[in-house]
Amino acid sequence: AAVHVGATAALVDEDETRRIVTLLTDAFERGRPDPWSIEEADEDYIFTQLQGIVGVHFTATAVDAKFKLSQNRTAEDRSGALNGLRATGHESDRQLAELMDHMSKPPLTV
């Protein structure tokens, strides 16, 4: 499965860059036993770090999605692939198996 996205980019100001970094930090720290936040850091440290970060907003202009998930294979081949993926115990493999299963059935849409 692959998605290619065309987009236009626009630089953002320092305040918006800080907001973006705060959102990203919160998202990646969420779920940790002792999550860190920008508000806890020394302001001089954050200011210095932000000087090396370029904030960008992207606006999608085109989306092209392609799925090659064994739709062209026999039902037996697909079944083997699905069973193998589901047997690994990895969540990402289980999700891929579900997508493969979904995409092998008409009308082959997401």
Protein backbone atom coordinates (compact mmCIF):
# COMPACT_ATOMS: atom_id res chain seq x y z
CA ALA A 1 0.00 0.00 0.00
CA ALA A 2 1.41 3.38 -0.96
CA VAL A 3 0.08 6.90 -0.95
CA HIS A 4 1.74 9.75 -2.81
CA VAL A 5 0.61 13.21 -1.79
CA GLY A 6 1.37 16.37 -3.73
CA ALA A 7 1.30 19.53 -1.66
CA THR A 8 2.17 23.18 -1.47
CA ALA A 9 4.31 24.33 1.44
CA ALA A 10 4.25 27.56 3.39
CA LEU A 11 6.69 28.63 6.09
CA VAL A 12 5.13 29.67 9.40
CA ASP A 13 6.20 32.21 11.99
CA GLU A 14 7.96 31.51 15.28
CA ASP A 15 4.74 31.38 17.32
CA GLU A 16 3.18 28.83 14.97
CA THR A 17 6.40 26.80 14.94
CA ARG A 18 6.32 26.67 18.72
CA ARG A 19 2.67 25.58 18.63
CA ILE A 20 3.50 22.79 16.17
CA VAL A 21 6.47 21.59 18.26
CA THR A 22 4.26 21.63 21.37
CA LEU A 23 1.59 19.53 19.62
CA LEU A 24 4.19 17.04 18.37
CA THR A 25 5.85 16.81 21.78
CA ASP A 26 2.50 16.22 23.48
CA ALA A 27 1.56 13.54 20.93
CA PHE A 28 4.85 11.63 21.25
CA GLU A 29 5.05 11.94 25.03
CA ARG A 30 1.42 10.90 25.59
CA GLY A 31 1.21 7.44 27.06
CA ARG A 32 4.64 7.53 28.68
CA PRO A 33 4.75 6.94 32.43
CA ASP A 34 6.24 10.40 33.01
CA PRO A 35 5.47 12.52 29.92
CA TRP A 36 7.64 15.58 29.31
CA SER A 37 6.21 18.86 28.09
CA ILE A 38 7.72 22.02 26.68
CA GLU A 39 6.27 23.99 29.58
CA GLU A 40 8.62 22.11 31.93
CA ALA A 41 11.77 23.16 30.08
CA ASP A 42 13.87 26.23 30.62
CA GLU A 43 12.63 28.99 28.29
CA ASP A 44 16.15 29.80 27.07
CA TYR A 45 16.63 26.15 26.08
CA ILE A 46 13.34 26.08 24.15
CA PHE A 47 14.14 29.40 22.47
CA THR A 48 17.54 28.08 21.36
CA GLN A 49 16.06 24.84 20.05
CA LEU A 50 13.33 26.67 18.13
CA GLN A 51 15.98 28.70 16.30
CA GLY A 52 17.03 25.50 14.52
CA ILE A 53 13.51 24.39 13.57
CA VAL A 54 11.67 25.51 10.46
CA GLY A 55 7.90 25.30 10.78
CA VAL A 56 5.98 24.40 7.65
CA HIS A 57 2.31 23.97 6.82
CA PHE A 58 1.48 21.68 3.91
CA THR A 59 -1.73 21.86 1.88
CA ALA A 60 -2.48 18.69 -0.06
CA THR A 61 -3.12 19.31 -3.74
CA ALA A 62 -3.24 15.71 -5.01
CA VAL A 63 -3.55 12.23 -3.51
CA ASP A 64 -2.70 9.03 -5.37
CA ALA A 65 -3.23 5.78 -3.45
CA LYS A 66 -2.24 2.34 -4.75
CA PHE A 67 -2.80 -1.03 -3.16
CA LYS A 68 -0.95 -4.13 -4.35
CA LEU A 69 -2.04 -6.58 -1.72
CA SER A 70 -2.14 -9.91 -3.55
CA GLN A 71 -5.45 -9.14 -5.28
CA ASN A 72 -3.98 -10.80 -8.38
CA ARG A 73 -3.10 -14.02 -6.53
CA THR A 74 -5.23 -17.14 -6.07
CA ALA A 75 -7.52 -17.43 -3.07
CA GLU A 76 -5.19 -20.13 -1.73
CA ASP A 77 -2.13 -17.85 -1.97
CA ARG A 78 -4.00 -14.98 -0.30
CA SER A 79 -5.20 -17.28 2.47
CA GLY A 80 -1.62 -18.39 3.16
CA ALA A 81 -0.40 -14.81 3.29
CA LEU A 82 -3.26 -13.77 5.57
CA ASN A 83 -2.69 -16.69 7.94
CA GLY A 84 1.04 -15.99 8.03
CA LEU A 85 0.53 -12.32 8.85
CA ARG A 86 -2.08 -13.04 11.52
CA ALA A 87 0.18 -15.64 13.16
CA THR A 88 3.05 -13.22 13.87
CA GLY A 89 1.28 -11.57 16.78
CA HIS A 90 2.29 -8.11 15.58
CA GLU A 91 -0.47 -5.52 15.44
CA SER A 92 0.86 -4.01 12.20
CA ASP A 93 0.80 -7.45 10.53
CA ARG A 94 -2.77 -8.02 11.73
CA GLN A 95 -3.79 -4.64 10.29
CA LEU A 96 -2.11 -5.45 6.98
CA ALA A 97 -3.92 -8.79 6.84
CA GLU A 98 -7.25 -7.04 7.40
CA LEU A 99 -6.49 -4.56 4.62
CA MET A 100 -5.44 -7.38 2.28
CA ASP A 101 -8.63 -9.26 3.08
CA HIS A 102 -10.76 -6.16 2.52
CA MET A 103 -9.07 -5.28 -0.77
CA SER A 104 -9.49 -8.79 -2.18
CA LYS A 105 -13.29 -8.48 -2.13
CA PRO A 106 -15.34 -6.57 -4.70
CA PRO A 107 -15.69 -3.67 -5.27
CA LEU A 108 -12.01 -3.28 -4.22
CA THR A 109 -12.35 0.08 -2.51
CA VAL A 110 -10.82 1.59 0.58
